[in-house]
C-alpha cells in the first residue's frame, strides 16, 4: 500500500490530530519517518489533511466535512494543553537536572574524609602550639629589684610635692586677681584658659 494511503487510513480511523513522530511510532515503524512526513505533505497539498502549527510542533488531522468544527477545535485545544503541560514538565526536569549537576560538582569539590581528618590534625597541632606558647608567656613574670622600686617611689613623692607647690602658687595668684576681677572665679578661669583638677578628673585635695 502506498505510504500516503496508509497514513490517510490511520488518520481517518483515529479521527484525531497527530504529529509526525506520533504517526511514525503508532504505525510501529511500518513506514520510515521521512516517508511519513512526505506522505503528510502530499495529503496537505491534496487538501485531504489539515496541518496545524503549535509553537515548534506540527500536528495533522484528516478533513471531514461532517465533523463538527466545534468538536475539532476543542480536540485541538486539548492537544495544545497537553503539549503545554509536557513543555512545563520538560522545563522542570531540566531545572532539576541542573540542580543535581551543581550538587554533584559541589560534592566533587568538597574534601574527602581522609583529607578532612588530615586537616583536623593540622589544626589540633596549631591549637596545642598556641596553648603552650600562652602558658609559657603566663609563667614568664619579671621581678623588679627592691632598690629600683624604692627609687621609683621616691621620685614619685618628690614629683607630687613639686606639683602641689606649683599648684598652690598658681591658686594664690588667681585669688589675688579675683580681688579686683568683676566676675566669678569660674569666669576668670575660663577667660585665662585654666583647667582645675576637678575639670580633668584629678582626685587630689591639697
Foldseek 3Di string as FASTA:
>chain_A
DQLLVVLLVVQVVVQAKDFLVRSCVVVVNPDPSVSSVVSQVVCVVVVQKDWDDQPPTIIIHGDDPPDDPVVRVVRVVVVSVVVVVVVVVVVVVVVVVVVVVVVVVVVVVDDDPVVVVVVVVVVVVVVVVVVVVVVVVVPPDDDDDPVVVVVVVVVVVVVVVVVVVVVVVVVVVLVVVVVPDPDDSVVVCVVVVHDDCVNVVNPDDD
